[in-house]
Amino acid sequence: MNVTENKVQQLKDLLINSEKVDKDIAQEMEHATLHYGGFASYYEGYGVLLEEVDELWEEIKDKQSIPENLYKEAIQVAAMAREIALFAVQHVKD
């Protein structure tokens, strides 16, 4: 496989993985919203996001951590960040 073919394959793999990540973020947001409701304020969103970032950091620091746990925590961080963005977009004036 030459360099161009390798880059094309990497791009294909990235797109496939990106679709999975997007789907998992959406599922995590749905789960969180159904169980806890949406954010009442930016402060609440920030607090939840910090908690998720702390959990991700704990996984990163754990030398025995497994990729599945890191992935799960990263998805939760992304979902909460997206939730904040969605909360904010409701207040953006076009």
C-alpha atoms as a PDB file:
ATOM      1  CA  MET A   1       0.000   0.000   0.000  1.00  0.00           C
ATOM      2  CA  ASN A   2       1.507   3.346  -1.004  1.00  0.00           C
ATOM      3  CA  VAL A   3       1.313   6.575   1.012  1.00  0.00           C
ATOM      4  CA  THR A   4      -1.811   7.867  -0.762  1.00  0.00           C
ATOM      5  CA  GLU A   5      -3.670   4.578  -0.350  1.00  0.00           C
ATOM      6  CA  ASN A   6      -2.669   4.510   3.309  1.00  0.00           C
ATOM      7  CA  LYS A   7      -3.998   8.050   3.863  1.00  0.00           C
ATOM      8  CA  VAL A   8      -7.259   7.181   2.087  1.00  0.00           C
ATOM      9  CA  GLN A   9      -7.668   4.131   4.317  1.00  0.00           C
ATOM     10  CA  GLN A  10      -6.933   6.209   7.419  1.00  0.00           C
ATOM     11  CA  LEU A  11      -9.587   8.708   6.345  1.00  0.00           C
ATOM     12  CA  LYS A  12     -12.130   5.925   5.778  1.00  0.00           C
ATOM     13  CA  ASP A  13     -11.365   4.474   9.213  1.00  0.00           C
ATOM     14  CA  LEU A  14     -11.672   7.936  10.778  1.00  0.00           C
ATOM     15  CA  LEU A  15     -15.069   8.495   9.171  1.00  0.00           C
ATOM     16  CA  ILE A  16     -16.347   5.105  10.317  1.00  0.00           C
ATOM     17  CA  ASN A  17     -15.114   5.755  13.858  1.00  0.00           C
ATOM     18  CA  SER A  18     -16.495   9.297  13.773  1.00  0.00           C
ATOM     19  CA  GLU A  19     -19.963   7.972  13.010  1.00  0.00           C
ATOM     20  CA  LYS A  20     -19.721   5.599  15.975  1.00  0.00           C
ATOM     21  CA  VAL A  21     -18.547   8.368  18.291  1.00  0.00           C
ATOM     22  CA  ASP A  22     -21.348  10.702  17.141  1.00  0.00           C
ATOM     23  CA  LYS A  23     -23.918   7.952  17.699  1.00  0.00           C
ATOM     24  CA  ASP A  24     -22.547   7.156  21.159  1.00  0.00           C
ATOM     25  CA  ILE A  25     -22.529  10.856  22.136  1.00  0.00           C
ATOM     26  CA  ALA A  26     -26.168  11.177  21.049  1.00  0.00           C
ATOM     27  CA  GLN A  27     -27.107   8.063  23.051  1.00  0.00           C
ATOM     28  CA  GLU A  28     -25.305   9.379  26.138  1.00  0.00           C
ATOM     29  CA  MET A  29     -27.095  12.717  25.830  1.00  0.00           C
ATOM     30  CA  GLU A  30     -30.428  10.951  25.505  1.00  0.00           C
ATOM     31  CA  HIS A  31     -29.695   8.772  28.524  1.00  0.00           C
ATOM     32  CA  ALA A  32     -28.575  11.738  30.658  1.00  0.00           C
ATOM     33  CA  THR A  33     -31.535  13.893  29.652  1.00  0.00           C
ATOM     34  CA  LEU A  34     -34.080  11.153  30.321  1.00  0.00           C
ATOM     35  CA  HIS A  35     -32.583  10.366  33.722  1.00  0.00           C
ATOM     36  CA  TYR A  36     -31.532  13.821  34.951  1.00  0.00           C
ATOM     37  CA  GLY A  37     -33.313  16.344  32.741  1.00  0.00           C
ATOM     38  CA  GLY A  38     -31.625  19.145  30.856  1.00  0.00           C
ATOM     39  CA  PHE A  39     -29.422  21.772  32.443  1.00  0.00           C
ATOM     40  CA  ALA A  40     -31.175  24.528  34.354  1.00  0.00           C
ATOM     41  CA  SER A  41     -28.226  26.896  33.889  1.00  0.00           C
ATOM     42  CA  TYR A  42     -24.752  27.216  32.416  1.00  0.00           C
ATOM     43  CA  TYR A  43     -23.372  26.806  35.942  1.00  0.00           C
ATOM     44  CA  GLU A  44     -25.064  23.451  36.306  1.00  0.00           C
ATOM     45  CA  GLY A  45     -23.778  22.373  32.900  1.00  0.00           C
ATOM     46  CA  TYR A  46     -20.270  23.474  33.813  1.00  0.00           C
ATOM     47  CA  GLY A  47     -20.405  21.563  37.107  1.00  0.00           C
ATOM     48  CA  VAL A  48     -21.531  18.367  35.397  1.00  0.00           C
ATOM     49  CA  LEU A  49     -18.888  18.804  32.695  1.00  0.00           C
ATOM     50  CA  LEU A  50     -16.159  19.268  35.313  1.00  0.00           C
ATOM     51  CA  GLU A  51     -17.278  16.117  37.091  1.00  0.00           C
ATOM     52  CA  GLU A  52     -17.062  14.159  33.833  1.00  0.00           C
ATOM     53  CA  VAL A  53     -13.649  15.650  33.012  1.00  0.00           C
ATOM     54  CA  ASP A  54     -12.415  14.643  36.473  1.00  0.00           C
ATOM     55  CA  GLU A  55     -13.620  11.084  35.888  1.00  0.00           C
ATOM     56  CA  LEU A  56     -11.844  11.009  32.517  1.00  0.00           C
ATOM     57  CA  TRP A  57      -8.670  12.349  34.135  1.00  0.00           C
ATOM     58  CA  GLU A  58      -8.815   9.602  36.785  1.00  0.00           C
ATOM     59  CA  GLU A  59      -9.035   7.001  34.009  1.00  0.00           C
ATOM     60  CA  ILE A  60      -6.125   8.595  32.153  1.00  0.00           C
ATOM     61  CA  LYS A  61      -3.954   8.572  35.278  1.00  0.00           C
ATOM     62  CA  ASP A  62      -4.782   4.930  36.063  1.00  0.00           C
ATOM     63  CA  LYS A  63      -1.949   2.899  34.613  1.00  0.00           C
ATOM     64  CA  GLN A  64      -4.260  -0.134  34.534  1.00  0.00           C
ATOM     65  CA  SER A  65      -6.999   1.716  32.672  1.00  0.00           C
ATOM     66  CA  ILE A  66      -8.510  -0.013  29.682  1.00  0.00           C
ATOM     67  CA  PRO A  67      -9.455   1.771  26.446  1.00  0.00           C
ATOM     68  CA  GLU A  68     -13.161   0.955  26.862  1.00  0.00           C
ATOM     69  CA  ASN A  69     -13.273   2.913  30.131  1.00  0.00           C
ATOM     70  CA  LEU A  70     -11.394   5.844  28.617  1.00  0.00           C
ATOM     71  CA  TYR A  71     -13.767   5.826  25.663  1.00  0.00           C
ATOM     72  CA  LYS A  72     -16.828   5.788  27.924  1.00  0.00           C
ATOM     73  CA  GLU A  73     -15.565   8.720  29.977  1.00  0.00           C
ATOM     74  CA  ALA A  74     -14.558  10.689  26.866  1.00  0.00           C
ATOM     75  CA  ILE A  75     -18.036  10.151  25.414  1.00  0.00           C
ATOM     76  CA  GLN A  76     -19.576  11.477  28.623  1.00  0.00           C
ATOM     77  CA  VAL A  77     -17.375  14.586  28.476  1.00  0.00           C
ATOM     78  CA  ALA A  78     -18.290  15.188  24.844  1.00  0.00           C
ATOM     79  CA  ALA A  79     -21.990  14.661  25.540  1.00  0.00           C
ATOM     80  CA  MET A  80     -22.020  17.189  28.381  1.00  0.00           C
ATOM     81  CA  ALA A  81     -20.056  19.742  26.341  1.00  0.00           C
ATOM     82  CA  ARG A  82     -22.530  19.282  23.493  1.00  0.00           C
ATOM     83  CA  GLU A  83     -25.423  19.643  25.927  1.00  0.00           C
ATOM     84  CA  ILE A  84     -24.008  23.016  27.056  1.00  0.00           C
ATOM     85  CA  ALA A  85     -23.678  24.105  23.421  1.00  0.00           C
ATOM     86  CA  LEU A  86     -27.281  23.090  22.745  1.00  0.00           C
ATOM     87  CA  PHE A  87     -28.429  24.976  25.839  1.00  0.00           C
ATOM     88  CA  ALA A  88     -26.537  28.060  24.617  1.00  0.00           C
ATOM     89  CA  VAL A  89     -27.783  27.900  21.031  1.00  0.00           C
ATOM     90  CA  GLN A  90     -31.336  28.376  22.310  1.00  0.00           C
ATOM     91  CA  HIS A  91     -30.274  31.843  23.465  1.00  0.00           C
ATOM     92  CA  VAL A  92     -28.257  32.872  20.409  1.00  0.00           C
ATOM     93  CA  LYS A  93     -29.829  35.627  18.409  1.00  0.00           C
ATOM     94  CA  ASP A  94     -29.469  35.242  14.644  1.00  0.00           C
END
